[in-house]
């Protein structure tokens, strides 16, 4: 049985990059009392898993809806609440006062870019964040959400709960967003105007459609053909 959690407590983690004092007015403190929009409630202490996409603070940058941008921030992406948070120069976990339109987070696996403003689909909205895997006229997007799953583990007598990632992929083509499986037939059906060239590229590079990086390569190649 799957449920959606609506309120969580933000979990502190070691800080990697402090926000310069000049950014002090960027955010508002996140509290645990039911006052204002930043009340997050409390998470079940028995719930396994994390609401964050990446654990711990990481360096990153943001572009706000008012057009202003900021670099070298300490960021975390709270997937459950679908929002970005940062740590202030005095060690406070804060929410941005102006909504973030786009942000990047740097990890040991590289830089990850997230953006909103795409057409609504699958219960999301134009304010939902997607990771942009491939840029260009045709974009490959990835959306991660969190769900609570309940199950009785072997040997247990009570139900256990855990947060589980729910990952979906989309292609934005001709200003339309289409959900797509990690499957050769599904992806080529969207890029059929260059099917011959793509078939040759797939064969020459031995692409595996279960591998996210290989799909990224294919969409990037398609954009170079267009």
Protein backbone atom coordinates (compact mmCIF):
# COMPACT_ATOMS: atom_id res chain seq x y z
CA UNK A 1 0.00 0.00 0.00
CA UNK A 2 1.42 3.40 -0.97
CA UNK A 3 0.81 6.69 0.75
CA UNK A 4 1.97 10.23 0.16
CA UNK A 5 3.51 12.20 3.01
CA UNK A 6 2.57 15.86 3.16
CA UNK A 7 4.60 17.13 6.09
CA UNK A 8 8.11 16.27 7.15
CA UNK A 9 10.80 17.53 9.47
CA UNK A 10 13.96 18.64 7.70
CA UNK A 11 17.00 16.66 8.76
CA UNK A 12 20.26 18.46 9.48
CA UNK A 13 23.46 17.29 7.80
CA UNK A 14 27.11 18.42 7.85
CA UNK A 15 27.59 21.75 6.10
CA UNK A 16 29.97 21.96 3.17
CA UNK A 17 29.58 25.49 1.85
CA UNK A 18 28.27 28.47 3.79
CA UNK A 19 26.15 31.17 2.22
CA UNK A 20 27.93 34.56 2.16
CA UNK A 21 26.53 37.20 4.52
CA UNK A 22 25.44 39.25 1.48
CA UNK A 23 22.79 36.57 0.90
CA UNK A 24 21.35 36.85 4.41
CA UNK A 25 18.00 38.18 3.15
CA UNK A 26 17.59 35.36 0.63
CA UNK A 27 15.55 33.12 2.87
CA UNK A 28 13.40 32.55 5.90
CA UNK A 29 14.09 30.07 8.66
CA UNK A 30 12.37 26.71 8.50
CA UNK A 31 10.58 25.95 11.75
CA UNK A 32 8.93 23.01 13.46
CA UNK A 33 5.95 24.94 14.81
CA UNK A 34 2.71 25.40 12.86
CA UNK A 35 3.27 29.05 11.94
CA UNK A 36 3.60 30.23 8.37
CA UNK A 37 4.39 28.37 5.20
CA UNK A 38 7.59 26.81 6.52
CA UNK A 39 6.02 24.51 9.08
CA UNK A 40 7.12 21.02 8.10
CA UNK A 41 5.61 18.93 10.89
CA UNK A 42 7.36 15.84 12.17
CA UNK A 43 8.39 12.70 10.41
CA UNK A 44 7.73 9.27 11.84
CA UNK A 45 11.00 8.28 13.60
CA UNK A 46 10.45 4.70 12.46
CA UNK A 47 10.27 5.71 8.83
CA UNK A 48 13.32 4.52 6.91
CA UNK A 49 14.91 6.53 4.14
CA UNK A 50 15.53 10.19 3.43
CA UNK A 51 13.40 12.95 1.89
CA UNK A 52 16.47 14.33 0.11
CA UNK A 53 17.77 13.43 -3.33
CA UNK A 54 21.41 13.72 -2.19
CA UNK A 55 22.50 13.38 1.41
CA UNK A 56 24.30 16.31 3.04
CA UNK A 57 24.91 19.83 1.87
CA UNK A 58 26.49 20.33 -1.54
CA UNK A 59 27.70 23.36 -3.44
CA UNK A 60 25.29 24.73 -5.97
CA UNK A 61 23.69 27.69 -7.66
CA UNK A 62 20.15 28.98 -8.11
CA UNK A 63 18.20 31.15 -10.54
CA UNK A 64 15.15 32.74 -8.94
CA UNK A 65 11.86 33.64 -10.60
CA UNK A 66 12.73 37.33 -10.27
CA UNK A 67 15.76 36.74 -12.51
CA UNK A 68 18.43 37.00 -9.82
CA UNK A 69 21.05 34.27 -9.57
CA UNK A 70 23.38 33.16 -6.78
CA UNK A 71 26.41 30.88 -6.83
CA UNK A 72 28.42 28.92 -4.28
CA UNK A 73 25.50 28.18 -1.99
CA UNK A 74 25.12 25.18 0.25
CA UNK A 75 22.03 23.42 -1.09
CA UNK A 76 19.86 20.37 -0.54
CA UNK A 77 16.94 19.26 -2.69
CA UNK A 78 14.00 18.11 -0.57
CA UNK A 79 12.26 15.78 -3.02
CA UNK A 80 9.33 15.06 -0.75
CA UNK A 81 8.40 18.74 -0.55
CA UNK A 82 9.77 19.41 -4.07
CA UNK A 83 11.77 22.45 -3.00
CA UNK A 84 15.34 23.63 -2.58
CA UNK A 85 16.72 24.67 0.80
CA UNK A 86 19.97 26.36 1.76
CA UNK A 87 22.08 27.02 4.82
CA UNK A 88 22.62 30.62 5.88
CA UNK A 89 25.85 32.23 7.01
CA UNK A 90 24.84 31.73 10.65
CA UNK A 91 23.99 28.07 10.23
CA UNK A 92 20.24 28.26 9.78
CA UNK A 93 18.38 25.96 7.40
CA UNK A 94 16.29 28.25 5.24
CA UNK A 95 13.69 28.32 2.49
CA UNK A 96 14.03 30.85 -0.32
CA UNK A 97 11.73 33.89 -0.09
CA UNK A 98 11.49 33.99 -3.90
CA UNK A 99 10.78 30.73 -5.66
CA UNK A 100 13.68 28.97 -7.34
CA UNK A 101 13.20 28.52 -11.08
CA UNK A 102 16.38 26.54 -11.73
CA UNK A 103 19.21 25.17 -9.61
CA UNK A 104 22.35 23.10 -9.91
CA UNK A 105 23.90 20.78 -7.34
CA UNK A 106 27.47 19.50 -7.56
CA UNK A 107 28.24 15.97 -6.37
CA UNK A 108 31.12 13.56 -6.86
CA UNK A 109 29.23 12.30 -9.92
CA UNK A 110 29.18 15.72 -11.57
CA UNK A 111 26.86 18.69 -11.81
CA UNK A 112 23.10 18.09 -11.79
CA UNK A 113 20.74 20.69 -13.27
CA UNK A 114 17.10 20.98 -12.21
CA UNK A 115 14.45 23.21 -13.74
CA UNK A 116 10.74 23.95 -13.53
CA UNK A 117 8.39 25.52 -16.07
CA UNK A 118 7.63 22.41 -18.12
CA UNK A 119 4.08 21.37 -19.10
CA UNK A 120 2.10 19.62 -16.37
CA UNK A 121 1.95 15.82 -16.53
CA UNK A 122 1.42 12.82 -14.23
CA UNK A 123 0.09 14.82 -11.31
CA UNK A 124 2.85 17.41 -11.47
CA UNK A 125 2.58 21.07 -12.41
CA UNK A 126 4.63 23.69 -14.21
CA UNK A 127 6.25 24.31 -10.81
CA UNK A 128 7.56 20.76 -10.49
CA UNK A 129 11.30 20.28 -10.75
CA UNK A 130 12.86 18.00 -13.35
CA UNK A 131 16.49 17.06 -13.75
CA UNK A 132 17.58 18.07 -17.25
CA UNK A 133 19.62 15.17 -18.60
CA UNK A 134 19.91 16.38 -22.21
CA UNK A 135 19.58 19.95 -23.45
CA UNK A 136 18.66 21.19 -26.91
CA UNK A 137 15.49 21.49 -28.97
CA UNK A 138 14.56 18.07 -27.64
CA UNK A 139 15.14 17.56 -23.92
CA UNK A 140 15.46 14.42 -21.85
CA UNK A 141 14.03 14.99 -18.38
CA UNK A 142 13.98 12.96 -15.18
CA UNK A 143 11.61 13.45 -12.27
CA UNK A 144 12.16 11.83 -8.90
CA UNK A 145 9.40 11.76 -6.30
CA UNK A 146 9.18 10.04 -2.92
CA UNK A 147 6.52 7.64 -1.72
CA UNK A 148 5.97 5.75 1.49
CA UNK A 149 5.71 2.00 1.11
CA UNK A 150 4.47 -0.31 3.84
CA UNK A 151 5.36 -3.96 4.16
CA UNK A 152 5.93 -6.68 6.72
CA UNK A 153 9.54 -7.74 6.43
CA UNK A 154 10.52 -11.41 6.82
CA UNK A 155 10.51 -12.37 10.48
CA UNK A 156 8.72 -9.20 11.58
CA UNK A 157 5.26 -8.99 13.14
CA UNK A 158 4.61 -5.30 12.53
CA UNK A 159 4.39 -3.20 9.42
CA UNK A 160 7.49 -1.20 8.49
CA UNK A 161 7.51 2.00 6.44
CA UNK A 162 10.15 3.42 4.19
CA UNK A 163 10.59 6.23 1.69
CA UNK A 164 11.17 4.94 -1.80
CA UNK A 165 12.28 6.77 -4.93
CA UNK A 166 9.83 6.87 -7.82
CA UNK A 167 11.71 7.79 -11.00
CA UNK A 168 10.10 8.70 -14.32
CA UNK A 169 11.63 9.87 -17.59
CA UNK A 170 10.18 12.32 -20.09
CA UNK A 171 11.03 13.72 -23.49
CA UNK A 172 10.14 17.32 -24.28
CA UNK A 173 9.74 17.55 -28.04
CA UNK A 174 7.86 20.14 -30.12
CA UNK A 175 6.88 21.86 -26.86
CA UNK A 176 5.07 18.72 -25.70
CA UNK A 177 6.13 16.54 -22.79
CA UNK A 178 5.82 12.77 -23.16
CA UNK A 179 6.52 10.14 -20.53
CA UNK A 180 8.87 7.50 -21.88
CA UNK A 181 10.23 4.16 -20.72
CA UNK A 182 13.90 3.24 -20.80
CA UNK A 183 13.22 1.26 -23.91
CA UNK A 184 14.58 1.48 -27.45
CA UNK A 185 11.22 1.17 -29.21
CA UNK A 186 9.57 3.79 -26.99
CA UNK A 187 12.32 6.35 -27.44
CA UNK A 188 12.81 5.84 -31.17
CA UNK A 189 9.08 6.24 -31.73
CA UNK A 190 9.44 9.85 -30.54
CA UNK A 191 12.55 10.51 -32.63
CA UNK A 192 11.37 8.69 -35.74
CA UNK A 193 12.26 11.47 -38.19
CA UNK A 194 15.91 10.47 -37.75
CA UNK A 195 15.41 6.76 -37.15
CA UNK A 196 17.98 5.54 -39.70
CA UNK A 197 20.77 7.73 -38.30
CA UNK A 198 19.85 6.79 -34.74
CA UNK A 199 19.82 3.07 -35.50
CA UNK A 200 23.35 3.37 -36.90
CA UNK A 201 24.49 5.34 -33.86
CA UNK A 202 22.96 2.80 -31.47
CA UNK A 203 24.65 -0.07 -33.27
CA UNK A 204 28.03 1.63 -33.59
CA UNK A 205 28.14 2.66 -29.94
CA UNK A 206 26.43 -0.45 -28.54
CA UNK A 207 23.97 1.60 -26.53
CA UNK A 208 22.07 -0.06 -23.71
CA UNK A 209 18.63 1.45 -23.11
CA UNK A 210 18.62 0.32 -19.49
CA UNK A 211 21.57 2.65 -18.98
CA UNK A 212 20.53 6.27 -18.38
CA UNK A 213 23.84 7.65 -19.68
CA UNK A 214 23.40 5.85 -23.00
CA UNK A 215 19.94 7.36 -23.49
CA UNK A 216 21.42 10.78 -22.76
CA UNK A 217 24.04 10.16 -25.47
CA UNK A 218 21.34 9.24 -27.97
CA UNK A 219 19.21 12.34 -27.33
CA UNK A 220 22.29 14.58 -27.49
CA UNK A 221 23.19 12.98 -30.84
CA UNK A 222 19.65 13.48 -32.10
CA UNK A 223 19.87 17.18 -31.25
CA UNK A 224 23.07 17.46 -33.26
CA UNK A 225 21.29 15.94 -36.27
CA UNK A 226 18.28 18.25 -36.06
